[in-house]
Amino acid sequence: MRGVPEVSDADFATEVIGSGLPVLVEFTADWCPPCRQMAPVLSALAAREEGRLKVVQLNVDANPDTTHAYKVLSMPTFIVFRDGEPLRSMVGARPGRRLLAELEEVL
């Protein structure tokens, strides 16, 4: 299973805001056990939805500007962006089925 690519403050505008596809961003941290639990779920989701949805991670400790801009306080936080706009925010780890169902509402 391939990993989910990381984005940073420096390339967030290009990779997320400027993306032609909807983007699911996981705001994560190395010290966050629920974030680590989500890794295989996100990898599977990225593979399943390839060409329809882009899935990326942003490390909150290394990228404070973007973290503060979207008022992320808890990890993991998931924000779906489409056409450069945040559409939905979800906080906390969740099973893959539930995450997929929540994404279907906005994709």
C-alpha atoms as a PDB file:
ATOM      1  CA  MET A   1       0.000   0.000   0.000  1.00  0.00           C
ATOM      2  CA  ARG A   2       1.410   3.376  -0.943  1.00  0.00           C
ATOM      3  CA  GLY A   3       1.665   6.240   1.487  1.00  0.00           C
ATOM      4  CA  VAL A   4      -0.334   9.443   1.340  1.00  0.00           C
ATOM      5  CA  PRO A   5       1.689  12.435   0.080  1.00  0.00           C
ATOM      6  CA  GLU A   6       2.461  15.302   2.428  1.00  0.00           C
ATOM      7  CA  VAL A   7       1.847  18.954   1.710  1.00  0.00           C
ATOM      8  CA  SER A   8       3.318  21.944   3.523  1.00  0.00           C
ATOM      9  CA  ASP A   9       2.658  25.625   4.122  1.00  0.00           C
ATOM     10  CA  ALA A  10       4.898  26.305   1.104  1.00  0.00           C
ATOM     11  CA  ASP A  11       2.976  24.185  -1.414  1.00  0.00           C
ATOM     12  CA  PHE A  12      -0.542  24.139   0.076  1.00  0.00           C
ATOM     13  CA  ALA A  13      -1.867  26.747  -2.371  1.00  0.00           C
ATOM     14  CA  THR A  14      -0.564  24.797  -5.363  1.00  0.00           C
ATOM     15  CA  GLU A  15      -1.356  21.249  -4.214  1.00  0.00           C
ATOM     16  CA  VAL A  16      -4.718  21.858  -2.496  1.00  0.00           C
ATOM     17  CA  ILE A  17      -6.237  25.235  -3.386  1.00  0.00           C
ATOM     18  CA  GLY A  18      -5.173  24.992  -7.039  1.00  0.00           C
ATOM     19  CA  SER A  19      -6.021  21.312  -7.513  1.00  0.00           C
ATOM     20  CA  GLY A  20      -8.335  20.334 -10.332  1.00  0.00           C
ATOM     21  CA  LEU A  21      -9.712  17.520  -8.168  1.00  0.00           C
ATOM     22  CA  PRO A  22     -11.443  17.716  -4.796  1.00  0.00           C
ATOM     23  CA  VAL A  23      -8.812  17.278  -2.048  1.00  0.00           C
ATOM     24  CA  LEU A  24      -9.106  15.580   1.338  1.00  0.00           C
ATOM     25  CA  VAL A  25      -6.489  17.021   3.692  1.00  0.00           C
ATOM     26  CA  GLU A  26      -5.679  15.201   6.906  1.00  0.00           C
ATOM     27  CA  PHE A  27      -4.195  17.571   9.474  1.00  0.00           C
ATOM     28  CA  THR A  28      -1.984  15.211  11.421  1.00  0.00           C
ATOM     29  CA  ALA A  29       0.911  14.975  13.881  1.00  0.00           C
ATOM     30  CA  ASP A  30       3.602  12.374  14.514  1.00  0.00           C
ATOM     31  CA  TRP A  31       2.598  12.149  18.190  1.00  0.00           C
ATOM     32  CA  CYS A  32      -1.089  11.441  17.401  1.00  0.00           C
ATOM     33  CA  PRO A  33      -2.070   7.731  17.756  1.00  0.00           C
ATOM     34  CA  PRO A  34      -5.482   8.144  16.043  1.00  0.00           C
ATOM     35  CA  CYS A  35      -3.670   9.795  13.117  1.00  0.00           C
ATOM     36  CA  ARG A  36      -1.437   6.742  12.767  1.00  0.00           C
ATOM     37  CA  GLN A  37      -4.545   4.526  12.833  1.00  0.00           C
ATOM     38  CA  MET A  38      -5.926   6.484   9.874  1.00  0.00           C
ATOM     39  CA  ALA A  39      -2.850   5.900   7.673  1.00  0.00           C
ATOM     40  CA  PRO A  40      -4.017   2.595   6.104  1.00  0.00           C
ATOM     41  CA  VAL A  41      -7.569   3.935   5.744  1.00  0.00           C
ATOM     42  CA  LEU A  42      -6.309   7.001   3.860  1.00  0.00           C
ATOM     43  CA  SER A  43      -3.966   4.959   1.671  1.00  0.00           C
ATOM     44  CA  ALA A  44      -6.828   2.663   0.677  1.00  0.00           C
ATOM     45  CA  LEU A  45      -9.114   5.637   0.059  1.00  0.00           C
ATOM     46  CA  ALA A  46      -6.489   7.356  -2.106  1.00  0.00           C
ATOM     47  CA  ALA A  47      -6.084   4.204  -4.216  1.00  0.00           C
ATOM     48  CA  ARG A  48      -9.834   3.624  -4.513  1.00  0.00           C
ATOM     49  CA  GLU A  49     -10.692   7.205  -5.448  1.00  0.00           C
ATOM     50  CA  GLU A  50      -7.657   7.923  -7.650  1.00  0.00           C
ATOM     51  CA  GLY A  51      -8.651  10.295 -10.439  1.00  0.00           C
ATOM     52  CA  ARG A  52     -11.719  11.430  -8.476  1.00  0.00           C
ATOM     53  CA  LEU A  53     -10.232  12.621  -5.163  1.00  0.00           C
ATOM     54  CA  LYS A  54      -6.752  13.687  -4.101  1.00  0.00           C
ATOM     55  CA  VAL A  55      -5.743  12.676  -0.550  1.00  0.00           C
ATOM     56  CA  VAL A  56      -2.895  14.471   1.272  1.00  0.00           C
ATOM     57  CA  GLN A  57      -1.553  14.985   4.792  1.00  0.00           C
ATOM     58  CA  LEU A  58      -0.301  18.139   6.482  1.00  0.00           C
ATOM     59  CA  ASN A  59       1.849  17.879   9.618  1.00  0.00           C
ATOM     60  CA  VAL A  60       0.481  20.514  12.014  1.00  0.00           C
ATOM     61  CA  ASP A  61       3.722  20.865  13.964  1.00  0.00           C
ATOM     62  CA  ALA A  62       5.792  21.594  10.853  1.00  0.00           C
ATOM     63  CA  ASN A  63       3.160  23.773   9.144  1.00  0.00           C
ATOM     64  CA  PRO A  64       1.625  26.217  11.625  1.00  0.00           C
ATOM     65  CA  ASP A  65       0.487  28.816   9.061  1.00  0.00           C
ATOM     66  CA  THR A  66      -1.973  26.539   7.273  1.00  0.00           C
ATOM     67  CA  THR A  67      -3.014  24.898  10.547  1.00  0.00           C
ATOM     68  CA  HIS A  68      -3.922  28.286  12.059  1.00  0.00           C
ATOM     69  CA  ALA A  69      -5.523  29.565   8.844  1.00  0.00           C
ATOM     70  CA  TYR A  70      -8.094  26.755   9.003  1.00  0.00           C
ATOM     71  CA  LYS A  71      -8.418  26.893  12.804  1.00  0.00           C
ATOM     72  CA  VAL A  72      -7.389  23.263  13.292  1.00  0.00           C
ATOM     73  CA  LEU A  73      -7.234  22.452  17.009  1.00  0.00           C
ATOM     74  CA  SER A  74      -7.609  18.650  17.187  1.00  0.00           C
ATOM     75  CA  MET A  75      -5.915  15.830  15.335  1.00  0.00           C
ATOM     76  CA  PRO A  76      -6.803  14.243  13.114  1.00  0.00           C
ATOM     77  CA  THR A  77      -8.921  16.877  11.404  1.00  0.00           C
ATOM     78  CA  PHE A  78     -10.044  16.222   7.849  1.00  0.00           C
ATOM     79  CA  ILE A  79     -11.050  19.076   5.555  1.00  0.00           C
ATOM     80  CA  VAL A  80     -12.413  18.543   2.054  1.00  0.00           C
ATOM     81  CA  PHE A  81     -11.551  21.256  -0.453  1.00  0.00           C
ATOM     82  CA  ARG A  82     -13.178  21.693  -3.856  1.00  0.00           C
ATOM     83  CA  ASP A  83     -12.347  24.522  -6.256  1.00  0.00           C
ATOM     84  CA  GLY A  84     -10.083  26.005  -3.582  1.00  0.00           C
ATOM     85  CA  GLU A  85     -12.812  26.247  -0.952  1.00  0.00           C
ATOM     86  CA  PRO A  86     -13.180  24.189   2.243  1.00  0.00           C
ATOM     87  CA  LEU A  87     -16.468  22.284   1.990  1.00  0.00           C
ATOM     88  CA  ARG A  88     -16.527  20.086   5.056  1.00  0.00           C
ATOM     89  CA  SER A  89     -14.515  19.578   8.215  1.00  0.00           C
ATOM     90  CA  MET A  90     -14.494  16.337  10.216  1.00  0.00           C
ATOM     91  CA  VAL A  91     -12.649  15.803  13.493  1.00  0.00           C
ATOM     92  CA  GLY A  92     -11.417  12.471  14.829  1.00  0.00           C
ATOM     93  CA  ALA A  93     -10.502   9.044  13.514  1.00  0.00           C
ATOM     94  CA  ARG A  94     -13.261   7.095  11.818  1.00  0.00           C
ATOM     95  CA  PRO A  95     -13.709   3.800   9.982  1.00  0.00           C
ATOM     96  CA  GLY A  96     -13.135   3.844   6.246  1.00  0.00           C
ATOM     97  CA  ARG A  97     -16.817   3.187   5.465  1.00  0.00           C
ATOM     98  CA  ARG A  98     -17.926   6.174   7.511  1.00  0.00           C
ATOM     99  CA  LEU A  99     -15.285   8.450   5.992  1.00  0.00           C
ATOM    100  CA  LEU A 100     -16.302   7.376   2.493  1.00  0.00           C
ATOM    101  CA  ALA A 101     -19.987   8.013   3.259  1.00  0.00           C
ATOM    102  CA  GLU A 102     -19.167  11.493   4.584  1.00  0.00           C
ATOM    103  CA  LEU A 103     -17.106  12.232   1.469  1.00  0.00           C
ATOM    104  CA  GLU A 104     -19.870  11.067  -0.883  1.00  0.00           C
ATOM    105  CA  GLU A 105     -22.046  13.891   0.458  1.00  0.00           C
ATOM    106  CA  VAL A 106     -19.609  16.511  -0.838  1.00  0.00           C
ATOM    107  CA  LEU A 107     -18.016  14.904  -3.908  1.00  0.00           C
END
